[in-house]
Amino acid sequence: RTEQVDLPYLVRYTNAPWLVIQSPGAADDGLFARDANGKPLCFDKTTGQLADATSVVISPALTGTYTLPDGRTAVPSFQLLAQRYLGNEYSPETAEKASGVPAATTRRL
């Protein structure tokens, strides 16, 4: 892994830290967790608690599993993306087989 992800950008301009409900079979499984006012939730590393994900005075986590007020769990959307796209299915070697673009070229770009 190249570790070339602009984490501050993701936190400030995307929904990467927003928590996604993990409750298989529930109607809201896979949706963003929200507070009573409809604001998306994240986990604030500074306070160790759930927080309004749209706040600019927090330090949101991008990975981990967190317990929601109703007892269910949720994970940051960035974690779900990383789990999906950092797997071997999307490796430069696999892409080379499908596209003909050398794995070294993909890594360089």
PDB file of N, CA and C in Angstrom:
ATOM      1  N   ARG A   1       0.837  -1.179   0.000  1.00  0.00           N
ATOM      2  CA  ARG A   1       0.000   0.000   0.000  1.00  0.00           C
ATOM      3  C   ARG A   1       0.883   1.244   0.000  1.00  0.00           C
ATOM      4  N   THR A   2       0.455   2.234  -0.705  1.00  0.00           N
ATOM      5  CA  THR A   2       1.283   3.433  -0.849  1.00  0.00           C
ATOM      6  C   THR A   2       1.019   4.493   0.211  1.00  0.00           C
ATOM      7  N   GLU A   3      -0.084   4.375   0.939  1.00  0.00           N
ATOM      8  CA  GLU A   3      -0.446   5.335   1.985  1.00  0.00           C
ATOM      9  C   GLU A   3      -0.454   6.773   1.465  1.00  0.00           C
ATOM     10  N   GLN A   4      -0.981   6.961   0.270  1.00  0.00           N
ATOM     11  CA  GLN A   4      -1.049   8.280  -0.342  1.00  0.00           C
ATOM     12  C   GLN A   4      -2.485   8.795  -0.360  1.00  0.00           C
ATOM     13  N   VAL A   5      -3.139   8.708   0.775  1.00  0.00           N
ATOM     14  CA  VAL A   5      -4.512   9.178   0.901  1.00  0.00           C
ATOM     15  C   VAL A   5      -4.485  10.492   1.669  1.00  0.00           C
ATOM     16  N   ASP A   6      -5.156  11.496   1.157  1.00  0.00           N
ATOM     17  CA  ASP A   6      -5.233  12.794   1.817  1.00  0.00           C
ATOM     18  C   ASP A   6      -6.360  12.738   2.853  1.00  0.00           C
ATOM     19  N   LEU A   7      -6.027  12.242   4.044  1.00  0.00           N
ATOM     20  CA  LEU A   7      -7.030  12.053   5.080  1.00  0.00           C
ATOM     21  C   LEU A   7      -7.693  13.363   5.520  1.00  0.00           C
ATOM     22  N   PRO A   8      -6.952  14.451   5.713  1.00  0.00           N
ATOM     23  CA  PRO A   8      -7.625  15.708   6.085  1.00  0.00           C
ATOM     24  C   PRO A   8      -8.658  16.147   5.040  1.00  0.00           C
ATOM     25  N   TYR A   9      -8.361  15.942   3.773  1.00  0.00           N
ATOM     26  CA  TYR A   9      -9.319  16.279   2.713  1.00  0.00           C
ATOM     27  C   TYR A   9     -10.583  15.430   2.862  1.00  0.00           C
ATOM     28  N   LEU A  10     -10.402  14.126   3.051  1.00  0.00           N
ATOM     29  CA  LEU A  10     -11.557  13.236   3.183  1.00  0.00           C
ATOM     30  C   LEU A  10     -12.440  13.641   4.354  1.00  0.00           C
ATOM     31  N   VAL A  11     -11.815  13.998   5.467  1.00  0.00           N
ATOM     32  CA  VAL A  11     -12.574  14.394   6.648  1.00  0.00           C
ATOM     33  C   VAL A  11     -13.341  15.687   6.403  1.00  0.00           C
ATOM     34  N   ARG A  12     -12.716  16.633   5.746  1.00  0.00           N
ATOM     35  CA  ARG A  12     -13.338  17.948   5.575  1.00  0.00           C
ATOM     36  C   ARG A  12     -14.371  18.013   4.453  1.00  0.00           C
ATOM     37  N   TYR A  13     -14.113  17.306   3.345  1.00  0.00           N
ATOM     38  CA  TYR A  13     -14.942  17.500   2.152  1.00  0.00           C
ATOM     39  C   TYR A  13     -15.783  16.303   1.712  1.00  0.00           C
ATOM     40  N   THR A  14     -15.709  15.186   2.424  1.00  0.00           N
ATOM     41  CA  THR A  14     -16.477  14.011   2.005  1.00  0.00           C
ATOM     42  C   THR A  14     -17.242  13.431   3.188  1.00  0.00           C
ATOM     43  N   ASN A  15     -17.992  12.386   2.918  1.00  0.00           N
ATOM     44  CA  ASN A  15     -18.710  11.699   3.994  1.00  0.00           C
ATOM     45  C   ASN A  15     -17.917  10.498   4.518  1.00  0.00           C
ATOM     46  N   ALA A  16     -16.622  10.480   4.309  1.00  0.00           N
ATOM     47  CA  ALA A  16     -15.779   9.362   4.735  1.00  0.00           C
ATOM     48  C   ALA A  16     -15.910   9.018   6.220  1.00  0.00           C
ATOM     49  N   PRO A  17     -16.037  10.006   7.129  1.00  0.00           N
ATOM     50  CA  PRO A  17     -16.170   9.646   8.539  1.00  0.00           C
ATOM     51  C   PRO A  17     -17.596   9.347   8.997  1.00  0.00           C
ATOM     52  N   TRP A  18     -18.581   9.567   8.149  1.00  0.00           N
ATOM     53  CA  TRP A  18     -19.974   9.326   8.533  1.00  0.00           C
ATOM     54  C   TRP A  18     -20.173   7.843   8.830  1.00  0.00           C
ATOM     55  N   LEU A  19     -20.890   7.562   9.892  1.00  0.00           N
ATOM     56  CA  LEU A  19     -21.114   6.179  10.303  1.00  0.00           C
ATOM     57  C   LEU A  19     -22.236   5.530   9.498  1.00  0.00           C
ATOM     58  N   VAL A  20     -21.978   4.290   9.080  1.00  0.00           N
ATOM     59  CA  VAL A  20     -22.930   3.501   8.302  1.00  0.00           C
ATOM     60  C   VAL A  20     -23.451   2.377   9.207  1.00  0.00           C
ATOM     61  N   ILE A  21     -24.748   2.284   9.312  1.00  0.00           N
ATOM     62  CA  ILE A  21     -25.384   1.295  10.179  1.00  0.00           C
ATOM     63  C   ILE A  21     -25.094  -0.117   9.668  1.00  0.00           C
ATOM     64  N   GLN A  22     -24.698  -0.994  10.580  1.00  0.00           N
ATOM     65  CA  GLN A  22     -24.431  -2.392  10.278  1.00  0.00           C
ATOM     66  C   GLN A  22     -25.464  -3.238  11.012  1.00  0.00           C
ATOM     67  N   SER A  23     -26.594  -3.456  10.394  1.00  0.00           N
ATOM     68  CA  SER A  23     -27.697  -4.190  11.018  1.00  0.00           C
ATOM     69  C   SER A  23     -28.394  -5.029   9.958  1.00  0.00           C
ATOM     70  N   PRO A  24     -27.762  -6.149   9.556  1.00  0.00           N
ATOM     71  CA  PRO A  24     -28.329  -6.982   8.497  1.00  0.00           C
ATOM     72  C   PRO A  24     -29.805  -7.322   8.747  1.00  0.00           C
ATOM     73  N   GLY A  25     -30.593  -7.133   7.719  1.00  0.00           N
ATOM     74  CA  GLY A  25     -32.020  -7.423   7.796  1.00  0.00           C
ATOM     75  C   GLY A  25     -32.871  -6.230   8.200  1.00  0.00           C
ATOM     76  N   ALA A  26     -32.247  -5.215   8.798  1.00  0.00           N
ATOM     77  CA  ALA A  26     -33.006  -4.026   9.195  1.00  0.00           C
ATOM     78  C   ALA A  26     -33.215  -3.125   7.978  1.00  0.00           C
ATOM     79  N   ALA A  27     -34.284  -2.365   7.992  1.00  0.00           N
ATOM     80  CA  ALA A  27     -34.607  -1.478   6.865  1.00  0.00           C
ATOM     81  C   ALA A  27     -33.529  -0.428   6.645  1.00  0.00           C
ATOM     82  N   ASP A  28     -32.820  -0.040   7.700  1.00  0.00           N
ATOM     83  CA  ASP A  28     -31.808   1.006   7.568  1.00  0.00           C
ATOM     84  C   ASP A  28     -30.373   0.469   7.529  1.00  0.00           C
ATOM     85  N   ASP A  29     -30.220  -0.825   7.365  1.00  0.00           N
ATOM     86  CA  ASP A  29     -28.875  -1.397   7.222  1.00  0.00           C
ATOM     87  C   ASP A  29     -28.190  -0.768   6.012  1.00  0.00           C
ATOM     88  N   GLY A  30     -26.974  -0.269   6.210  1.00  0.00           N
ATOM     89  CA  GLY A  30     -26.231   0.340   5.116  1.00  0.00           C
ATOM     90  C   GLY A  30     -26.491   1.821   4.929  1.00  0.00           C
ATOM     91  N   LEU A  31     -27.403   2.383   5.713  1.00  0.00           N
ATOM     92  CA  LEU A  31     -27.678   3.820   5.638  1.00  0.00           C
ATOM     93  C   LEU A  31     -26.843   4.552   6.682  1.00  0.00           C
ATOM     94  N   PHE A  32     -26.730   5.867   6.516  1.00  0.00           N
ATOM     95  CA  PHE A  32     -25.985   6.665   7.479  1.00  0.00           C
ATOM     96  C   PHE A  32     -26.758   6.756   8.790  1.00  0.00           C
ATOM     97  N   ALA A  33     -26.026   6.616   9.893  1.00  0.00           N
ATOM     98  CA  ALA A  33     -26.609   6.805  11.220  1.00  0.00           C
ATOM     99  C   ALA A  33     -26.794   8.299  11.440  1.00  0.00           C
ATOM    100  N   ARG A  34     -27.907   8.672  12.036  1.00  0.00           N
ATOM    101  CA  ARG A  34     -28.213  10.093  12.251  1.00  0.00           C
ATOM    102  C   ARG A  34     -28.704  10.310  13.679  1.00  0.00           C
ATOM    103  N   ASP A  35     -28.500  11.529  14.159  1.00  0.00           N
ATOM    104  CA  ASP A  35     -28.984  11.872  15.490  1.00  0.00           C
ATOM    105  C   ASP A  35     -30.464  12.230  15.422  1.00  0.00           C
ATOM    106  N   ALA A  36     -31.032  12.646  16.551  1.00  0.00           N
ATOM    107  CA  ALA A  36     -32.458  12.966  16.628  1.00  0.00           C
ATOM    108  C   ALA A  36     -32.848  14.131  15.726  1.00  0.00           C
ATOM    109  N   ASN A  37     -31.878  14.974  15.370  1.00  0.00           N
ATOM    110  CA  ASN A  37     -32.144  16.118  14.493  1.00  0.00           C
ATOM    111  C   ASN A  37     -31.858  15.815  13.021  1.00  0.00           C
ATOM    112  N   GLY A  38     -31.526  14.568  12.730  1.00  0.00           N
ATOM    113  CA  GLY A  38     -31.255  14.178  11.356  1.00  0.00           C
ATOM    114  C   GLY A  38     -29.824  14.420  10.895  1.00  0.00           C
ATOM    115  N   LYS A  39     -28.960  14.879  11.787  1.00  0.00           N
ATOM    116  CA  LYS A  39     -27.554  15.120  11.431  1.00  0.00           C
ATOM    117  C   LYS A  39     -26.805  13.795  11.373  1.00  0.00           C
ATOM    118  N   PRO A  40     -25.924  13.615  10.376  1.00  0.00           N
ATOM    119  CA  PRO A  40     -25.148  12.375  10.296  1.00  0.00           C
ATOM    120  C   PRO A  40     -24.179  12.288  11.471  1.00  0.00           C
ATOM    121  N   LEU A  41     -23.937  11.065  11.912  1.00  0.00           N
ATOM    122  CA  LEU A  41     -23.052  10.833  13.047  1.00  0.00           C
ATOM    123  C   LEU A  41     -21.675  10.350  12.616  1.00  0.00           C
ATOM    124  N   CYS A  42     -20.691  10.685  13.426  1.00  0.00           N
ATOM    125  CA  CYS A  42     -19.348  10.134  13.291  1.00  0.00           C
ATOM    126  C   CYS A  42     -18.861   9.860  14.704  1.00  0.00           C
ATOM    127  N   PHE A  43     -17.673   9.273  14.815  1.00  0.00           N
ATOM    128  CA  PHE A  43     -17.067   9.066  16.119  1.00  0.00           C
ATOM    129  C   PHE A  43     -15.936  10.064  16.277  1.00  0.00           C
ATOM    130  N   ASP A  44     -16.014  10.891  17.309  1.00  0.00           N
ATOM    131  CA  ASP A  44     -14.995  11.910  17.563  1.00  0.00           C
ATOM    132  C   ASP A  44     -13.892  11.302  18.420  1.00  0.00           C
ATOM    133  N   LYS A  45     -12.688  11.220  17.862  1.00  0.00           N
ATOM    134  CA  LYS A  45     -11.557  10.629  18.573  1.00  0.00           C
ATOM    135  C   LYS A  45     -11.151  11.450  19.785  1.00  0.00           C
ATOM    136  N   THR A  46     -11.382  12.743  19.765  1.00  0.00           N
ATOM    137  CA  THR A  46     -10.981  13.611  20.872  1.00  0.00           C
ATOM    138  C   THR A  46     -11.837  13.361  22.114  1.00  0.00           C
ATOM    139  N   THR A  47     -13.152  13.299  21.926  1.00  0.00           N
ATOM    140  CA  THR A  47     -14.058  13.116  23.069  1.00  0.00           C
ATOM    141  C   THR A  47     -14.360  11.646  23.351  1.00  0.00           C
ATOM    142  N   GLY A  48     -14.117  10.778  22.369  1.00  0.00           N
ATOM    143  CA  GLY A  48     -14.443   9.369  22.535  1.00  0.00           C
ATOM    144  C   GLY A  48     -15.934   9.101  22.477  1.00  0.00           C
ATOM    145  N   GLN A  49     -16.667   9.990  21.789  1.00  0.00           N
ATOM    146  CA  GLN A  49     -18.120   9.852  21.714  1.00  0.00           C
ATOM    147  C   GLN A  49     -18.617  10.101  20.298  1.00  0.00           C
ATOM    148  N   LEU A  50     -19.866   9.719  20.067  1.00  0.00           N
ATOM    149  CA  LEU A  50     -20.504  10.027  18.794  1.00  0.00           C
ATOM    150  C   LEU A  50     -20.695  11.533  18.704  1.00  0.00           C
ATOM    151  N   ALA A  51     -20.635  12.066  17.476  1.00  0.00           N
ATOM    152  CA  ALA A  51     -20.743  13.506  17.281  1.00  0.00           C
ATOM    153  C   ALA A  51     -21.404  13.807  15.944  1.00  0.00           C
ATOM    154  N   ASP A  52     -21.820  15.047  15.789  1.00  0.00           N
ATOM    155  CA  ASP A  52     -22.364  15.543  14.528  1.00  0.00           C
ATOM    156  C   ASP A  52     -21.226  15.526  13.502  1.00  0.00           C
ATOM    157  N   ALA A  53     -21.379  14.747  12.463  1.00  0.00           N
ATOM    158  CA  ALA A  53     -20.323  14.593  11.456  1.00  0.00           C
ATOM    159  C   ALA A  53     -20.096  15.852  10.638  1.00  0.00           C
ATOM    160  N   THR A  54     -21.009  16.801  10.703  1.00  0.00           N
ATOM    161  CA  THR A  54     -20.839  18.040   9.929  1.00  0.00           C
ATOM    162  C   THR A  54     -20.133  19.130  10.733  1.00  0.00           C
ATOM    163  N   SER A  55     -19.812  18.849  11.976  1.00  0.00           N
ATOM    164  CA  SER A  55     -19.122  19.826  12.820  1.00  0.00           C
ATOM    165  C   SER A  55     -17.674  19.986  12.357  1.00  0.00           C
ATOM    166  N   VAL A  56     -17.149  21.183  12.479  1.00  0.00           N
ATOM    167  CA  VAL A  56     -15.756  21.433  12.080  1.00  0.00           C
ATOM    168  C   VAL A  56     -14.808  21.405  13.271  1.00  0.00           C
ATOM    169  N   VAL A  57     -15.324  21.161  14.464  1.00  0.00           N
ATOM    170  CA  VAL A  57     -14.477  21.163  15.660  1.00  0.00           C
ATOM    171  C   VAL A  57     -14.316  19.771  16.258  1.00  0.00           C
ATOM    172  N   ILE A  58     -14.271  18.769  15.388  1.00  0.00           N
ATOM    173  CA  ILE A  58     -14.107  17.394  15.837  1.00  0.00           C
ATOM    174  C   ILE A  58     -12.922  16.759  15.125  1.00  0.00           C
ATOM    175  N   SER A  59     -12.513  15.619  15.628  1.00  0.00           N
ATOM    176  CA  SER A  59     -11.460  14.821  15.001  1.00  0.00           C
ATOM    177  C   SER A  59     -12.052  13.438  14.728  1.00  0.00           C
ATOM    178  N   PRO A  60     -12.759  13.289  13.600  1.00  0.00           N
ATOM    179  CA  PRO A  60     -13.494  12.054  13.360  1.00  0.00           C
ATOM    180  C   PRO A  60     -12.612  10.864  12.976  1.00  0.00           C
ATOM    181  N   ALA A  61     -13.039   9.700  13.430  1.00  0.00           N
ATOM    182  CA  ALA A  61     -12.367   8.454  13.087  1.00  0.00           C
ATOM    183  C   ALA A  61     -12.774   8.019  11.687  1.00  0.00           C
ATOM    184  N   LEU A  62     -11.839   7.419  10.965  1.00  0.00           N
ATOM    185  CA  LEU A  62     -12.127   6.886   9.627  1.00  0.00           C
ATOM    186  C   LEU A  62     -12.205   5.368   9.627  1.00  0.00           C
ATOM    187  N   THR A  63     -11.852   4.756  10.738  1.00  0.00           N
ATOM    188  CA  THR A  63     -11.944   3.304  10.868  1.00  0.00           C
ATOM    189  C   THR A  63     -12.444   2.962  12.261  1.00  0.00           C
ATOM    190  N   GLY A  64     -12.923   1.743  12.415  1.00  0.00           N
ATOM    191  CA  GLY A  64     -13.384   1.263  13.717  1.00  0.00           C
ATOM    192  C   GLY A  64     -14.851   0.900  13.681  1.00  0.00           C
ATOM    193  N   THR A  65     -15.279   0.243  14.738  1.00  0.00           N
ATOM    194  CA  THR A  65     -16.680  -0.129  14.907  1.00  0.00           C
ATOM    195  C   THR A  65     -17.192   0.564  16.157  1.00  0.00           C
ATOM    196  N   TYR A  66     -18.348   1.202  16.045  1.00  0.00           N
ATOM    197  CA  TYR A  66     -18.872   2.016  17.131  1.00  0.00           C
ATOM    198  C   TYR A  66     -20.305   1.633  17.443  1.00  0.00           C
ATOM    199  N   THR A  67     -20.668   1.776  18.704  1.00  0.00           N
ATOM    200  CA  THR A  67     -22.016   1.435  19.155  1.00  0.00           C
ATOM    201  C   THR A  67     -22.898   2.673  19.107  1.00  0.00           C
ATOM    202  N   LEU A  68     -24.034   2.524  18.459  1.00  0.00           N
ATOM    203  CA  LEU A  68     -25.015   3.599  18.360  1.00  0.00           C
ATOM    204  C   LEU A  68     -25.868   3.635  19.633  1.00  0.00           C
ATOM    205  N   PRO A  69     -26.582   4.729  19.876  1.00  0.00           N
ATOM    206  CA  PRO A  69     -27.411   4.827  21.083  1.00  0.00           C
ATOM    207  C   PRO A  69     -28.419   3.685  21.239  1.00  0.00           C
ATOM    208  N   ASP A  70     -28.878   3.108  20.122  1.00  0.00           N
ATOM    209  CA  ASP A  70     -29.850   2.011  20.208  1.00  0.00           C
ATOM    210  C   ASP A  70     -29.192   0.642  20.360  1.00  0.00           C
ATOM    211  N   GLY A  71     -27.846   0.623  20.503  1.00  0.00           N
ATOM    212  CA  GLY A  71     -27.122  -0.627  20.732  1.00  0.00           C
ATOM    213  C   GLY A  71     -26.581  -1.293  19.485  1.00  0.00           C
ATOM    214  N   ARG A  72     -27.020  -0.846  18.321  1.00  0.00           N
ATOM    215  CA  ARG A  72     -26.493  -1.426  17.082  1.00  0.00           C
ATOM    216  C   ARG A  72     -25.106  -0.868  16.807  1.00  0.00           C
ATOM    217  N   THR A  73     -24.425  -1.455  15.835  1.00  0.00           N
ATOM    218  CA  THR A  73     -23.091  -0.985  15.504  1.00  0.00           C
ATOM    219  C   THR A  73     -23.088  -0.247  14.169  1.00  0.00           C
ATOM    220  N   ALA A  74     -22.036   0.548  13.995  1.00  0.00           N
ATOM    221  CA  ALA A  74     -21.856   1.305  12.754  1.00  0.00           C
ATOM    222  C   ALA A  74     -20.361   1.486  12.529  1.00  0.00           C
ATOM    223  N   VAL A  75     -19.991   1.659  11.268  1.00  0.00           N
ATOM    224  CA  VAL A  75     -18.589   1.878  10.898  1.00  0.00           C
ATOM    225  C   VAL A  75     -18.508   3.080   9.963  1.00  0.00           C
ATOM    226  N   PRO A  76     -17.364   3.783   9.957  1.00  0.00           N
ATOM    227  CA  PRO A  76     -17.212   4.902   9.019  1.00  0.00           C
ATOM    228  C   PRO A  76     -17.284   4.422   7.572  1.00  0.00           C
ATOM    229  N   SER A  77     -17.866   5.241   6.709  1.00  0.00           N
ATOM    230  CA  SER A  77     -17.994   4.844   5.303  1.00  0.00           C
ATOM    231  C   SER A  77     -16.624   4.614   4.663  1.00  0.00           C
ATOM    232  N   PHE A  78     -15.605   5.349   5.097  1.00  0.00           N
ATOM    233  CA  PHE A  78     -14.259   5.148   4.557  1.00  0.00           C
ATOM    234  C   PHE A  78     -13.785   3.715   4.797  1.00  0.00           C
ATOM    235  N   GLN A  79     -14.092   3.169   5.950  1.00  0.00           N
ATOM    236  CA  GLN A  79     -13.681   1.800   6.256  1.00  0.00           C
ATOM    237  C   GLN A  79     -14.305   0.814   5.276  1.00  0.00           C
ATOM    238  N   LEU A  80     -15.578   1.024   4.955  1.00  0.00           N
ATOM    239  CA  LEU A  80     -16.239   0.125   4.003  1.00  0.00           C
ATOM    240  C   LEU A  80     -15.599   0.220   2.620  1.00  0.00           C
ATOM    241  N   LEU A  81     -15.274   1.425   2.203  1.00  0.00           N
ATOM    242  CA  LEU A  81     -14.598   1.613   0.906  1.00  0.00           C
ATOM    243  C   LEU A  81     -13.232   0.940   0.901  1.00  0.00           C
ATOM    244  N   ALA A  82     -12.482   1.145   1.973  1.00  0.00           N
ATOM    245  CA  ALA A  82     -11.141   0.549   2.054  1.00  0.00           C
ATOM    246  C   ALA A  82     -11.230  -0.974   2.031  1.00  0.00           C
ATOM    247  N   GLN A  83     -12.158  -1.535   2.784  1.00  0.00           N
ATOM    248  CA  GLN A  83     -12.309  -2.995   2.803  1.00  0.00           C
ATOM    249  C   GLN A  83     -12.630  -3.528   1.411  1.00  0.00           C
ATOM    250  N   ARG A  84     -13.441  -2.804   0.687  1.00  0.00           N
ATOM    251  CA  ARG A  84     -13.852  -3.250  -0.648  1.00  0.00           C
ATOM    252  C   ARG A  84     -12.723  -3.115  -1.671  1.00  0.00           C
ATOM    253  N   TYR A  85     -12.110  -1.940  -1.736  1.00  0.00           N
ATOM    254  CA  TYR A  85     -11.201  -1.654  -2.847  1.00  0.00           C
ATOM    255  C   TYR A  85      -9.730  -1.899  -2.568  1.00  0.00           C
ATOM    256  N   LEU A  86      -9.368  -2.251  -1.350  1.00  0.00           N
ATOM    257  CA  LEU A  86      -7.977  -2.618  -1.071  1.00  0.00           C
ATOM    258  C   LEU A  86      -7.772  -4.122  -1.125  1.00  0.00           C
ATOM    259  N   GLY A  87      -8.799  -4.858  -1.488  1.00  0.00           N
ATOM    260  CA  GLY A  87      -8.694  -6.304  -1.617  1.00  0.00           C
ATOM    261  C   GLY A  87      -7.985  -6.701  -2.902  1.00  0.00           C
ATOM    262  N   ASN A  88      -7.632  -7.962  -3.001  1.00  0.00           N
ATOM    263  CA  ASN A  88      -6.908  -8.476  -4.170  1.00  0.00           C
ATOM    264  C   ASN A  88      -7.687  -8.324  -5.469  1.00  0.00           C
ATOM    265  N   GLU A  89      -9.009  -8.282  -5.382  1.00  0.00           N
ATOM    266  CA  GLU A  89      -9.847  -8.144  -6.573  1.00  0.00           C
ATOM    267  C   GLU A  89      -9.532  -6.864  -7.348  1.00  0.00           C
ATOM    268  N   TYR A  90      -9.041  -5.840  -6.643  1.00  0.00           N
ATOM    269  CA  TYR A  90      -8.729  -4.556  -7.268  1.00  0.00           C
ATOM    270  C   TYR A  90      -7.241  -4.234  -7.259  1.00  0.00           C
ATOM    271  N   SER A  91      -6.415  -5.222  -7.072  1.00  0.00           N
ATOM    272  CA  SER A  91      -4.969  -4.987  -7.044  1.00  0.00           C
ATOM    273  C   SER A  91      -4.462  -4.612  -8.438  1.00  0.00           C
ATOM    274  N   PRO A  92      -3.331  -3.939  -8.512  1.00  0.00           N
ATOM    275  CA  PRO A  92      -2.762  -3.602  -9.822  1.00  0.00           C
ATOM    276  C   PRO A  92      -2.509  -4.848 -10.685  1.00  0.00           C
ATOM    277  N   GLU A  93      -2.148  -5.960 -10.058  1.00  0.00           N
ATOM    278  CA  GLU A  93      -1.903  -7.193 -10.821  1.00  0.00           C
ATOM    279  C   GLU A  93      -3.188  -7.728 -11.444  1.00  0.00           C
ATOM    280  N   THR A  94      -4.272  -7.680 -10.693  1.00  0.00           N
ATOM    281  CA  THR A  94      -5.560  -8.126 -11.222  1.00  0.00           C
ATOM    282  C   THR A  94      -6.023  -7.194 -12.337  1.00  0.00           C
ATOM    283  N   ALA A  95      -5.859  -5.896 -12.126  1.00  0.00           N
ATOM    284  CA  ALA A  95      -6.244  -4.918 -13.152  1.00  0.00           C
ATOM    285  C   ALA A  95      -5.410  -5.090 -14.413  1.00  0.00           C
ATOM    286  N   GLU A  96      -4.144  -5.453 -14.256  1.00  0.00           N
ATOM    287  CA  GLU A  96      -3.275  -5.669 -15.420  1.00  0.00           C
ATOM    288  C   GLU A  96      -3.808  -6.798 -16.294  1.00  0.00           C
ATOM    289  N   LYS A  97      -4.270  -7.860 -15.660  1.00  0.00           N
ATOM    290  CA  LYS A  97      -4.818  -8.995 -16.408  1.00  0.00           C
ATOM    291  C   LYS A  97      -6.060  -8.596 -17.196  1.00  0.00           C
ATOM    292  N   ALA A  98      -6.868  -7.740 -16.614  1.00  0.00           N
ATOM    293  CA  ALA A  98      -8.117  -7.342 -17.259  1.00  0.00           C
ATOM    294  C   ALA A  98      -7.934  -6.236 -18.287  1.00  0.00           C
ATOM    295  N   SER A  99      -6.957  -5.343 -18.062  1.00  0.00           N
ATOM    296  CA  SER A  99      -6.850  -4.154 -18.910  1.00  0.00           C
ATOM    297  C   SER A  99      -5.625  -4.129 -19.821  1.00  0.00           C
ATOM    298  N   GLY A 100      -4.617  -4.901 -19.460  1.00  0.00           N
ATOM    299  CA  GLY A 100      -3.379  -4.860 -20.227  1.00  0.00           C
ATOM    300  C   GLY A 100      -2.439  -3.742 -19.778  1.00  0.00           C
ATOM    301  N   VAL A 101      -2.866  -2.897 -18.857  1.00  0.00           N
ATOM    302  CA  VAL A 101      -2.004  -1.834 -18.323  1.00  0.00           C
ATOM    303  C   VAL A 101      -1.101  -2.460 -17.272  1.00  0.00           C
ATOM    304  N   PRO A 102       0.217  -2.338 -17.439  1.00  0.00           N
ATOM    305  CA  PRO A 102       1.132  -2.966 -16.478  1.00  0.00           C
ATOM    306  C   PRO A 102       0.883  -2.499 -15.041  1.00  0.00           C
ATOM    307  N   ALA A 103       1.012  -3.431 -14.097  1.00  0.00           N
ATOM    308  CA  ALA A 103       0.800  -3.112 -12.687  1.00  0.00           C
ATOM    309  C   ALA A 103       1.723  -1.987 -12.234  1.00  0.00           C
ATOM    310  N   ALA A 104       2.942  -1.960 -12.749  1.00  0.00           N
ATOM    311  CA  ALA A 104       3.892  -0.899 -12.401  1.00  0.00           C
ATOM    312  C   ALA A 104       3.376   0.473 -12.832  1.00  0.00           C
ATOM    313  N   THR A 105       2.733   0.531 -13.996  1.00  0.00           N
ATOM    314  CA  THR A 105       2.168   1.798 -14.472  1.00  0.00           C
ATOM    315  C   THR A 105       1.043   2.263 -13.558  1.00  0.00           C
ATOM    316  N   THR A 106       0.187   1.342 -13.153  1.00  0.00           N
ATOM    317  CA  THR A 106      -0.906   1.683 -12.245  1.00  0.00           C
ATOM    318  C   THR A 106      -0.352   2.211 -10.933  1.00  0.00           C
ATOM    319  N   ARG A 107       0.661   1.559 -10.398  1.00  0.00           N
ATOM    320  CA  ARG A 107       1.262   2.022  -9.136  1.00  0.00           C
ATOM    321  C   ARG A 107       1.888   3.409  -9.298  1.00  0.00           C
ATOM    322  N   ARG A 108       2.528   3.637 -10.417  1.00  0.00           N
ATOM    323  CA  ARG A 108       3.199   4.927 -10.658  1.00  0.00           C
ATOM    324  C   ARG A 108       2.168   6.041 -10.731  1.00  0.00           C
ATOM    325  N   LEU A 109       1.051   5.760 -11.384  1.00  0.00           N
ATOM    326  CA  LEU A 109       0.007   6.780 -11.541  1.00  0.00           C
ATOM    327  C   LEU A 109      -0.715   7.005 -10.247  1.00  0.00           C
TER     328      LEU A 109
END
